[in-house]
């Protein structure tokens, strides 16, 4: 895979939110198990919104890094996944939170 590729951006765009979710878990609920953490998150709308926002923040950080390095094709892939992930977050926030 080339260093500057759209596919790499898509992969990074998918993996970055996972890292953001793991970071949020360690920040908010580390002594508890991951399963207990997700059970609490499912029951609390404000935690769901915070978790999704943290995941999007991780994508924004990776996107900014690639934009600043002028690795544009990869940045476009990250941006696409960020937008696709942000739309359900916005819909959830507007209608269910």
PDB file of N, CA and C in Angstrom:
ATOM      1  N   UNK A   1       0.847  -1.177   0.000  1.00  0.00           N
ATOM      2  CA  UNK A   1       0.000   0.000   0.000  1.00  0.00           C
ATOM      3  C   UNK A   1       0.895   1.243   0.000  1.00  0.00           C
ATOM      4  N   UNK A   2       0.569   2.184  -0.857  1.00  0.00           N
ATOM      5  CA  UNK A   2       1.356   3.411  -0.935  1.00  0.00           C
ATOM      6  C   UNK A   2       1.151   4.256   0.311  1.00  0.00           C
ATOM      7  N   UNK A   3       2.100   5.129   0.557  1.00  0.00           N
ATOM      8  CA  UNK A   3       2.033   6.006   1.724  1.00  0.00           C
ATOM      9  C   UNK A   3       0.865   6.991   1.611  1.00  0.00           C
ATOM     10  N   UNK A   4       0.606   7.483   0.423  1.00  0.00           N
ATOM     11  CA  UNK A   4      -0.482   8.433   0.208  1.00  0.00           C
ATOM     12  C   UNK A   4      -1.560   7.757  -0.630  1.00  0.00           C
ATOM     13  N   UNK A   5      -2.486   7.081   0.026  1.00  0.00           N
ATOM     14  CA  UNK A   5      -3.540   6.410  -0.723  1.00  0.00           C
ATOM     15  C   UNK A   5      -4.886   6.585  -0.032  1.00  0.00           C
ATOM     16  N   UNK A   6      -5.899   6.626  -0.852  1.00  0.00           N
ATOM     17  CA  UNK A   6      -7.263   6.780  -0.364  1.00  0.00           C
ATOM     18  C   UNK A   6      -7.656   5.606   0.537  1.00  0.00           C
ATOM     19  N   UNK A   7      -7.259   4.401   0.159  1.00  0.00           N
ATOM     20  CA  UNK A   7      -7.580   3.209   0.950  1.00  0.00           C
ATOM     21  C   UNK A   7      -6.944   3.276   2.337  1.00  0.00           C
ATOM     22  N   UNK A   8      -5.709   3.734   2.414  1.00  0.00           N
ATOM     23  CA  UNK A   8      -5.059   3.907   3.714  1.00  0.00           C
ATOM     24  C   UNK A   8      -5.849   4.892   4.568  1.00  0.00           C
ATOM     25  N   UNK A   9      -6.344   5.953   3.959  1.00  0.00           N
ATOM     26  CA  UNK A   9      -7.150   6.929   4.680  1.00  0.00           C
ATOM     27  C   UNK A   9      -8.436   6.318   5.222  1.00  0.00           C
ATOM     28  N   UNK A  10      -9.070   5.469   4.431  1.00  0.00           N
ATOM     29  CA  UNK A  10     -10.284   4.797   4.885  1.00  0.00           C
ATOM     30  C   UNK A  10      -9.980   3.884   6.070  1.00  0.00           C
ATOM     31  N   UNK A  11      -8.875   3.147   5.966  1.00  0.00           N
ATOM     32  CA  UNK A  11      -8.500   2.251   7.069  1.00  0.00           C
ATOM     33  C   UNK A  11      -8.195   3.053   8.328  1.00  0.00           C
ATOM     34  N   UNK A  12      -7.428   4.118   8.190  1.00  0.00           N
ATOM     35  CA  UNK A  12      -7.114   4.965   9.351  1.00  0.00           C
ATOM     36  C   UNK A  12      -8.375   5.640   9.900  1.00  0.00           C
ATOM     37  N   UNK A  13      -9.279   6.011   8.994  1.00  0.00           N
ATOM     38  CA  UNK A  13     -10.532   6.632   9.413  1.00  0.00           C
ATOM     39  C   UNK A  13     -11.427   5.692  10.206  1.00  0.00           C
ATOM     40  N   UNK A  14     -11.293   4.405   9.957  1.00  0.00           N
ATOM     41  CA  UNK A  14     -12.056   3.407  10.711  1.00  0.00           C
ATOM     42  C   UNK A  14     -11.359   3.074  12.026  1.00  0.00           C
ATOM     43  N   UNK A  15     -10.036   2.990  12.003  1.00  0.00           N
ATOM     44  CA  UNK A  15      -9.288   2.610  13.207  1.00  0.00           C
ATOM     45  C   UNK A  15      -9.184   3.742  14.240  1.00  0.00           C
ATOM     46  N   UNK A  16      -9.122   4.975  13.787  1.00  0.00           N
ATOM     47  CA  UNK A  16      -8.980   6.102  14.720  1.00  0.00           C
ATOM     48  C   UNK A  16     -10.126   6.196  15.723  1.00  0.00           C
ATOM     49  N   UNK A  17     -11.382   6.058  15.313  1.00  0.00           N
ATOM     50  CA  UNK A  17     -12.454   6.092  16.307  1.00  0.00           C
ATOM     51  C   UNK A  17     -12.358   4.961  17.327  1.00  0.00           C
ATOM     52  N   UNK A  18     -11.860   3.813  16.906  1.00  0.00           N
ATOM     53  CA  UNK A  18     -11.679   2.704  17.843  1.00  0.00           C
ATOM     54  C   UNK A  18     -10.669   3.105  18.921  1.00  0.00           C
ATOM     55  N   UNK A  19      -9.595   3.742  18.504  1.00  0.00           N
ATOM     56  CA  UNK A  19      -8.596   4.231  19.459  1.00  0.00           C
ATOM     57  C   UNK A  19      -9.217   5.288  20.365  1.00  0.00           C
ATOM     58  N   UNK A  20     -10.057   6.157  19.798  1.00  0.00           N
ATOM     59  CA  UNK A  20     -10.739   7.169  20.603  1.00  0.00           C
ATOM     60  C   UNK A  20     -11.671   6.553  21.632  1.00  0.00           C
ATOM     61  N   UNK A  21     -12.378   5.510  21.258  1.00  0.00           N
ATOM     62  CA  UNK A  21     -13.277   4.823  22.188  1.00  0.00           C
ATOM     63  C   UNK A  21     -12.483   4.154  23.301  1.00  0.00           C
ATOM     64  N   UNK A  22     -11.380   3.542  22.951  1.00  0.00           N
ATOM     65  CA  UNK A  22     -10.534   2.908  23.973  1.00  0.00           C
ATOM     66  C   UNK A  22      -9.964   3.959  24.919  1.00  0.00           C
ATOM     67  N   UNK A  23      -9.532   5.102  24.379  1.00  0.00           N
ATOM     68  CA  UNK A  23      -9.021   6.188  25.224  1.00  0.00           C
ATOM     69  C   UNK A  23     -10.116   6.706  26.154  1.00  0.00           C
ATOM     70  N   UNK A  24     -11.340   6.834  25.636  1.00  0.00           N
ATOM     71  CA  UNK A  24     -12.459   7.290  26.466  1.00  0.00           C
ATOM     72  C   UNK A  24     -12.732   6.296  27.591  1.00  0.00           C
ATOM     73  N   UNK A  25     -12.661   5.023  27.288  1.00  0.00           N
ATOM     74  CA  UNK A  25     -12.849   3.988  28.307  1.00  0.00           C
ATOM     75  C   UNK A  25     -11.801   4.120  29.414  1.00  0.00           C
ATOM     76  N   UNK A  26     -10.537   4.268  29.035  1.00  0.00           N
ATOM     77  CA  UNK A  26      -9.493   4.394  30.044  1.00  0.00           C
ATOM     78  C   UNK A  26      -9.633   5.682  30.853  1.00  0.00           C
ATOM     79  N   UNK A  27     -10.143   6.733  30.232  1.00  0.00           N
ATOM     80  CA  UNK A  27     -10.325   8.008  30.916  1.00  0.00           C
ATOM     81  C   UNK A  27     -11.494   7.951  31.892  1.00  0.00           C
ATOM     82  N   UNK A  28     -12.590   7.333  31.496  1.00  0.00           N
ATOM     83  CA  UNK A  28     -13.815   7.375  32.292  1.00  0.00           C
ATOM     84  C   UNK A  28     -14.052   6.155  33.176  1.00  0.00           C
ATOM     85  N   UNK A  29     -13.627   4.962  32.770  1.00  0.00           N
ATOM     86  CA  UNK A  29     -14.105   3.764  33.463  1.00  0.00           C
ATOM     87  C   UNK A  29     -13.082   2.654  33.581  1.00  0.00           C
ATOM     88  N   UNK A  30     -11.813   2.967  33.607  1.00  0.00           N
ATOM     89  CA  UNK A  30     -10.799   1.920  33.537  1.00  0.00           C
ATOM     90  C   UNK A  30     -10.928   0.803  34.575  1.00  0.00           C
ATOM     91  N   UNK A  31     -11.164   1.044  35.828  1.00  0.00           N
ATOM     92  CA  UNK A  31     -11.210  -0.107  36.748  1.00  0.00           C
ATOM     93  C   UNK A  31     -12.316  -1.107  36.388  1.00  0.00           C
ATOM     94  N   UNK A  32     -13.362  -0.649  35.759  1.00  0.00           N
ATOM     95  CA  UNK A  32     -14.452  -1.537  35.349  1.00  0.00           C
ATOM     96  C   UNK A  32     -14.068  -2.268  34.064  1.00  0.00           C
ATOM     97  N   UNK A  33     -14.775  -3.348  33.795  1.00  0.00           N
ATOM     98  CA  UNK A  33     -14.516  -4.076  32.550  1.00  0.00           C
ATOM     99  C   UNK A  33     -15.090  -3.303  31.368  1.00  0.00           C
ATOM    100  N   UNK A  34     -14.576  -3.617  30.188  1.00  0.00           N
ATOM    101  CA  UNK A  34     -15.040  -2.956  28.972  1.00  0.00           C
ATOM    102  C   UNK A  34     -16.525  -3.232  28.745  1.00  0.00           C
ATOM    103  N   UNK A  35     -16.976  -4.446  29.040  1.00  0.00           N
ATOM    104  CA  UNK A  35     -18.382  -4.811  28.873  1.00  0.00           C
ATOM    105  C   UNK A  35     -19.269  -4.017  29.831  1.00  0.00           C
ATOM    106  N   UNK A  36     -18.860  -3.874  31.088  1.00  0.00           N
ATOM    107  CA  UNK A  36     -19.619  -3.059  32.039  1.00  0.00           C
ATOM    108  C   UNK A  36     -19.696  -1.606  31.574  1.00  0.00           C
ATOM    109  N   UNK A  37     -18.597  -1.113  31.046  1.00  0.00           N
ATOM    110  CA  UNK A  37     -18.549   0.257  30.536  1.00  0.00           C
ATOM    111  C   UNK A  37     -19.572   0.450  29.419  1.00  0.00           C
ATOM    112  N   UNK A  38     -19.623  -0.470  28.469  1.00  0.00           N
ATOM    113  CA  UNK A  38     -20.581  -0.326  27.379  1.00  0.00           C
ATOM    114  C   UNK A  38     -22.020  -0.493  27.839  1.00  0.00           C
ATOM    115  N   UNK A  39     -22.268  -1.298  28.842  1.00  0.00           N
ATOM    116  CA  UNK A  39     -23.622  -1.406  29.384  1.00  0.00           C
ATOM    117  C   UNK A  39     -24.069  -0.084  29.998  1.00  0.00           C
ATOM    118  N   UNK A  40     -23.169   0.591  30.688  1.00  0.00           N
ATOM    119  CA  UNK A  40     -23.498   1.899  31.269  1.00  0.00           C
ATOM    120  C   UNK A  40     -23.698   2.932  30.165  1.00  0.00           C
ATOM    121  N   UNK A  41     -22.844   2.896  29.153  1.00  0.00           N
ATOM    122  CA  UNK A  41     -22.948   3.850  28.042  1.00  0.00           C
ATOM    123  C   UNK A  41     -24.277   3.694  27.313  1.00  0.00           C
ATOM    124  N   UNK A  42     -24.709   2.459  27.097  1.00  0.00           N
ATOM    125  CA  UNK A  42     -25.983   2.215  26.400  1.00  0.00           C
ATOM    126  C   UNK A  42     -27.167   2.812  27.145  1.00  0.00           C
ATOM    127  N   UNK A  43     -27.071   2.893  28.464  1.00  0.00           N
ATOM    128  CA  UNK A  43     -28.181   3.391  29.271  1.00  0.00           C
ATOM    129  C   UNK A  43     -28.147   4.899  29.480  1.00  0.00           C
ATOM    130  N   UNK A  44     -27.058   5.555  29.125  1.00  0.00           N
ATOM    131  CA  UNK A  44     -26.891   6.969  29.416  1.00  0.00           C
ATOM    132  C   UNK A  44     -26.652   7.740  28.125  1.00  0.00           C
ATOM    133  N   UNK A  45     -27.650   8.533  27.715  1.00  0.00           N
ATOM    134  CA  UNK A  45     -27.551   9.263  26.451  1.00  0.00           C
ATOM    135  C   UNK A  45     -26.384  10.239  26.413  1.00  0.00           C
ATOM    136  N   UNK A  46     -26.100  10.898  27.510  1.00  0.00           N
ATOM    137  CA  UNK A  46     -25.008  11.863  27.490  1.00  0.00           C
ATOM    138  C   UNK A  46     -23.656  11.163  27.326  1.00  0.00           C
ATOM    139  N   UNK A  47     -23.523   9.963  27.862  1.00  0.00           N
ATOM    140  CA  UNK A  47     -22.278   9.217  27.675  1.00  0.00           C
ATOM    141  C   UNK A  47     -22.135   8.715  26.243  1.00  0.00           C
ATOM    142  N   UNK A  48     -23.248   8.358  25.619  1.00  0.00           N
ATOM    143  CA  UNK A  48     -23.200   7.923  24.221  1.00  0.00           C
ATOM    144  C   UNK A  48     -22.692   9.070  23.355  1.00  0.00           C
ATOM    145  N   UNK A  49     -23.236  10.244  23.570  1.00  0.00           N
ATOM    146  CA  UNK A  49     -22.832  11.413  22.799  1.00  0.00           C
ATOM    147  C   UNK A  49     -21.368  11.749  23.054  1.00  0.00           C
ATOM    148  N   UNK A  50     -20.939  11.691  24.301  1.00  0.00           N
ATOM    149  CA  UNK A  50     -19.541  11.978  24.631  1.00  0.00           C
ATOM    150  C   UNK A  50     -18.614  10.945  24.000  1.00  0.00           C
ATOM    151  N   UNK A  51     -19.001   9.688  24.038  1.00  0.00           N
ATOM    152  CA  UNK A  51     -18.186   8.620  23.453  1.00  0.00           C
ATOM    153  C   UNK A  51     -18.036   8.815  21.948  1.00  0.00           C
ATOM    154  N   UNK A  52     -19.127   9.112  21.272  1.00  0.00           N
ATOM    155  CA  UNK A  52     -19.072   9.323  19.829  1.00  0.00           C
ATOM    156  C   UNK A  52     -18.256  10.566  19.485  1.00  0.00           C
ATOM    157  N   UNK A  53     -18.372  11.605  20.289  1.00  0.00           N
ATOM    158  CA  UNK A  53     -17.599  12.820  20.059  1.00  0.00           C
ATOM    159  C   UNK A  53     -16.109  12.556  20.243  1.00  0.00           C
ATOM    160  N   UNK A  54     -15.771  11.766  21.231  1.00  0.00           N
ATOM    161  CA  UNK A  54     -14.369  11.419  21.470  1.00  0.00           C
ATOM    162  C   UNK A  54     -13.817  10.621  20.291  1.00  0.00           C
ATOM    163  N   UNK A  55     -14.621   9.730  19.749  1.00  0.00           N
ATOM    164  CA  UNK A  55     -14.205   8.951  18.585  1.00  0.00           C
ATOM    165  C   UNK A  55     -13.970   9.871  17.378  1.00  0.00           C
ATOM    166  N   UNK A  56     -14.846  10.845  17.184  1.00  0.00           N
ATOM    167  CA  UNK A  56     -14.677  11.796  16.085  1.00  0.00           C
ATOM    168  C   UNK A  56     -13.466  12.694  16.308  1.00  0.00           C
ATOM    169  N   UNK A  57     -13.194  13.029  17.555  1.00  0.00           N
ATOM    170  CA  UNK A  57     -12.015  13.830  17.865  1.00  0.00           C
ATOM    171  C   UNK A  57     -10.740  13.093  17.469  1.00  0.00           C
ATOM    172  N   UNK A  58     -10.696  11.802  17.716  1.00  0.00           N
ATOM    173  CA  UNK A  58      -9.534  11.004  17.311  1.00  0.00           C
ATOM    174  C   UNK A  58      -9.350  11.061  15.793  1.00  0.00           C
ATOM    175  N   UNK A  59     -10.439  10.986  15.057  1.00  0.00           N
ATOM    176  CA  UNK A  59     -10.355  11.099  13.597  1.00  0.00           C
ATOM    177  C   UNK A  59      -9.879  12.485  13.182  1.00  0.00           C
ATOM    178  N   UNK A  60     -10.351  13.509  13.860  1.00  0.00           N
ATOM    179  CA  UNK A  60      -9.947  14.874  13.520  1.00  0.00           C
ATOM    180  C   UNK A  60      -8.447  15.073  13.738  1.00  0.00           C
ATOM    181  N   UNK A  61      -7.915  14.476  14.778  1.00  0.00           N
ATOM    182  CA  UNK A  61      -6.477  14.589  15.047  1.00  0.00           C
ATOM    183  C   UNK A  61      -5.670  13.926  13.934  1.00  0.00           C
ATOM    184  N   UNK A  62      -6.073  12.726  13.544  1.00  0.00           N
ATOM    185  CA  UNK A  62      -5.364  12.013  12.470  1.00  0.00           C
ATOM    186  C   UNK A  62      -5.512  12.765  11.148  1.00  0.00           C
ATOM    187  N   UNK A  63      -6.700  13.258  10.864  1.00  0.00           N
ATOM    188  CA  UNK A  63      -6.945  14.027   9.646  1.00  0.00           C
ATOM    189  C   UNK A  63      -6.052  15.264   9.600  1.00  0.00           C
ATOM    190  N   UNK A  64      -5.982  15.997  10.702  1.00  0.00           N
ATOM    191  CA  UNK A  64      -5.159  17.205  10.765  1.00  0.00           C
ATOM    192  C   UNK A  64      -3.689  16.886  10.527  1.00  0.00           C
ATOM    193  N   UNK A  65      -3.218  15.787  11.093  1.00  0.00           N
ATOM    194  CA  UNK A  65      -1.829  15.371  10.883  1.00  0.00           C
ATOM    195  C   UNK A  65      -1.546  15.169   9.399  1.00  0.00           C
ATOM    196  N   UNK A  66      -2.418  14.451   8.702  1.00  0.00           N
ATOM    197  CA  UNK A  66      -2.182  14.157   7.294  1.00  0.00           C
ATOM    198  C   UNK A  66      -2.349  15.390   6.412  1.00  0.00           C
ATOM    199  N   UNK A  67      -3.244  16.283   6.767  1.00  0.00           N
ATOM    200  CA  UNK A  67      -3.394  17.539   6.024  1.00  0.00           C
ATOM    201  C   UNK A  67      -2.132  18.384   6.171  1.00  0.00           C
ATOM    202  N   UNK A  68      -1.627  18.488   7.400  1.00  0.00           N
ATOM    203  CA  UNK A  68      -0.428  19.297   7.625  1.00  0.00           C
ATOM    204  C   UNK A  68       0.800  18.720   6.925  1.00  0.00           C
ATOM    205  N   UNK A  69       0.853  17.403   6.771  1.00  0.00           N
ATOM    206  CA  UNK A  69       1.956  16.753   6.059  1.00  0.00           C
ATOM    207  C   UNK A  69       1.746  16.766   4.541  1.00  0.00           C
ATOM    208  N   UNK A  70       0.615  17.315   4.106  1.00  0.00           N
ATOM    209  CA  UNK A  70       0.243  17.386   2.690  1.00  0.00           C
ATOM    210  C   UNK A  70       0.141  16.006   2.039  1.00  0.00           C
ATOM    211  N   UNK A  71      -0.386  15.070   2.803  1.00  0.00           N
ATOM    212  CA  UNK A  71      -0.661  13.721   2.290  1.00  0.00           C
ATOM    213  C   UNK A  71      -2.160  13.678   2.006  1.00  0.00           C
ATOM    214  N   UNK A  72      -2.512  14.243   0.856  1.00  0.00           N
ATOM    215  CA  UNK A  72      -3.897  14.597   0.577  1.00  0.00           C
ATOM    216  C   UNK A  72      -4.825  13.415   0.299  1.00  0.00           C
ATOM    217  N   UNK A  73      -4.387  12.409  -0.431  1.00  0.00           N
ATOM    218  CA  UNK A  73      -5.272  11.282  -0.732  1.00  0.00           C
ATOM    219  C   UNK A  73      -5.659  10.542   0.540  1.00  0.00           C
ATOM    220  N   UNK A  74      -4.704  10.349   1.427  1.00  0.00           N
ATOM    221  CA  UNK A  74      -4.996   9.689   2.697  1.00  0.00           C
ATOM    222  C   UNK A  74      -5.943  10.551   3.526  1.00  0.00           C
ATOM    223  N   UNK A  75      -5.705  11.853   3.532  1.00  0.00           N
ATOM    224  CA  UNK A  75      -6.574  12.770   4.275  1.00  0.00           C
ATOM    225  C   UNK A  75      -8.003  12.731   3.739  1.00  0.00           C
ATOM    226  N   UNK A  76      -8.156  12.594   2.428  1.00  0.00           N
ATOM    227  CA  UNK A  76      -9.499  12.503   1.843  1.00  0.00           C
ATOM    228  C   UNK A  76     -10.231  11.253   2.321  1.00  0.00           C
ATOM    229  N   UNK A  77      -9.531  10.137   2.420  1.00  0.00           N
ATOM    230  CA  UNK A  77     -10.147   8.909   2.930  1.00  0.00           C
ATOM    231  C   UNK A  77     -10.571   9.056   4.381  1.00  0.00           C
ATOM    232  N   UNK A  78      -9.711   9.673   5.187  1.00  0.00           N
ATOM    233  CA  UNK A  78     -10.047   9.908   6.597  1.00  0.00           C
ATOM    234  C   UNK A  78     -11.262  10.828   6.694  1.00  0.00           C
ATOM    235  N   UNK A  79     -11.269  11.877   5.866  1.00  0.00           N
ATOM    236  CA  UNK A  79     -12.391  12.820   5.883  1.00  0.00           C
ATOM    237  C   UNK A  79     -13.699  12.143   5.499  1.00  0.00           C
ATOM    238  N   UNK A  80     -13.663  11.282   4.502  1.00  0.00           N
ATOM    239  CA  UNK A  80     -14.875  10.564   4.080  1.00  0.00           C
ATOM    240  C   UNK A  80     -15.449   9.747   5.233  1.00  0.00           C
ATOM    241  N   UNK A  81     -14.614   8.989   5.899  1.00  0.00           N
ATOM    242  CA  UNK A  81     -15.083   8.162   7.012  1.00  0.00           C
ATOM    243  C   UNK A  81     -15.561   9.039   8.167  1.00  0.00           C
ATOM    244  N   UNK A  82     -14.876  10.156   8.399  1.00  0.00           N
ATOM    245  CA  UNK A  82     -15.299  11.069   9.463  1.00  0.00           C
ATOM    246  C   UNK A  82     -16.706  11.609   9.188  1.00  0.00           C
ATOM    247  N   UNK A  83     -16.954  11.996   7.958  1.00  0.00           N
ATOM    248  CA  UNK A  83     -18.287  12.504   7.595  1.00  0.00           C
ATOM    249  C   UNK A  83     -19.328  11.394   7.721  1.00  0.00           C
ATOM    250  N   UNK A  84     -19.002  10.202   7.245  1.00  0.00           N
ATOM    251  CA  UNK A  84     -19.946   9.084   7.336  1.00  0.00           C
ATOM    252  C   UNK A  84     -20.228   8.696   8.782  1.00  0.00           C
ATOM    253  N   UNK A  85     -19.259   8.886   9.652  1.00  0.00           N
ATOM    254  CA  UNK A  85     -19.444   8.601  11.070  1.00  0.00           C
ATOM    255  C   UNK A  85     -20.170   9.748  11.774  1.00  0.00           C
ATOM    256  N   UNK A  86     -19.910  10.980  11.333  1.00  0.00           N
ATOM    257  CA  UNK A  86     -20.502  12.152  11.987  1.00  0.00           C
ATOM    258  C   UNK A  86     -21.994  12.284  11.705  1.00  0.00           C
ATOM    259  N   UNK A  87     -22.439  11.887  10.534  1.00  0.00           N
ATOM    260  CA  UNK A  87     -23.858  12.032  10.197  1.00  0.00           C
ATOM    261  C   UNK A  87     -24.770  11.285  11.177  1.00  0.00           C
ATOM    262  N   UNK A  88     -24.531  10.005  11.474  1.00  0.00           N
ATOM    263  CA  UNK A  88     -25.383   9.347  12.471  1.00  0.00           C
ATOM    264  C   UNK A  88     -25.254   9.964  13.868  1.00  0.00           C
ATOM    265  N   UNK A  89     -24.068  10.473  14.188  1.00  0.00           N
ATOM    266  CA  UNK A  89     -23.891  11.129  15.490  1.00  0.00           C
ATOM    267  C   UNK A  89     -24.763  12.366  15.577  1.00  0.00           C
ATOM    268  N   UNK A  90     -24.779  13.157  14.531  1.00  0.00           N
ATOM    269  CA  UNK A  90     -25.592  14.370  14.511  1.00  0.00           C
ATOM    270  C   UNK A  90     -27.067  14.013  14.553  1.00  0.00           C
ATOM    271  N   UNK A  91     -27.488  13.035  13.774  1.00  0.00           N
ATOM    272  CA  UNK A  91     -28.892  12.604  13.782  1.00  0.00           C
ATOM    273  C   UNK A  91     -29.284  12.107  15.163  1.00  0.00           C
ATOM    274  N   UNK A  92     -28.421  11.301  15.772  1.00  0.00           N
ATOM    275  CA  UNK A  92     -28.706  10.798  17.123  1.00  0.00           C
ATOM    276  C   UNK A  92     -28.833  11.957  18.115  1.00  0.00           C
ATOM    277  N   UNK A  93     -27.918  12.895  18.024  1.00  0.00           N
ATOM    278  CA  UNK A  93     -27.934  14.030  18.948  1.00  0.00           C
ATOM    279  C   UNK A  93     -29.188  14.882  18.764  1.00  0.00           C
ATOM    280  N   UNK A  94     -29.604  15.080  17.546  1.00  0.00           N
ATOM    281  CA  UNK A  94     -30.771  15.926  17.274  1.00  0.00           C
ATOM    282  C   UNK A  94     -32.091  15.265  17.665  1.00  0.00           C
ATOM    283  N   UNK A  95     -32.214  13.972  17.399  1.00  0.00           N
ATOM    284  CA  UNK A  95     -33.518  13.329  17.548  1.00  0.00           C
ATOM    285  C   UNK A  95     -33.663  12.398  18.743  1.00  0.00           C
ATOM    286  N   UNK A  96     -32.569  11.895  19.296  1.00  0.00           N
ATOM    287  CA  UNK A  96     -32.682  10.905  20.349  1.00  0.00           C
ATOM    288  C   UNK A  96     -32.050  11.326  21.674  1.00  0.00           C
ATOM    289  N   UNK A  97     -31.385  12.431  21.708  1.00  0.00           N
ATOM    290  CA  UNK A  97     -30.704  12.823  22.916  1.00  0.00           C
ATOM    291  C   UNK A  97     -31.412  13.970  23.612  1.00  0.00           C
TER     292      UNK A  97
END
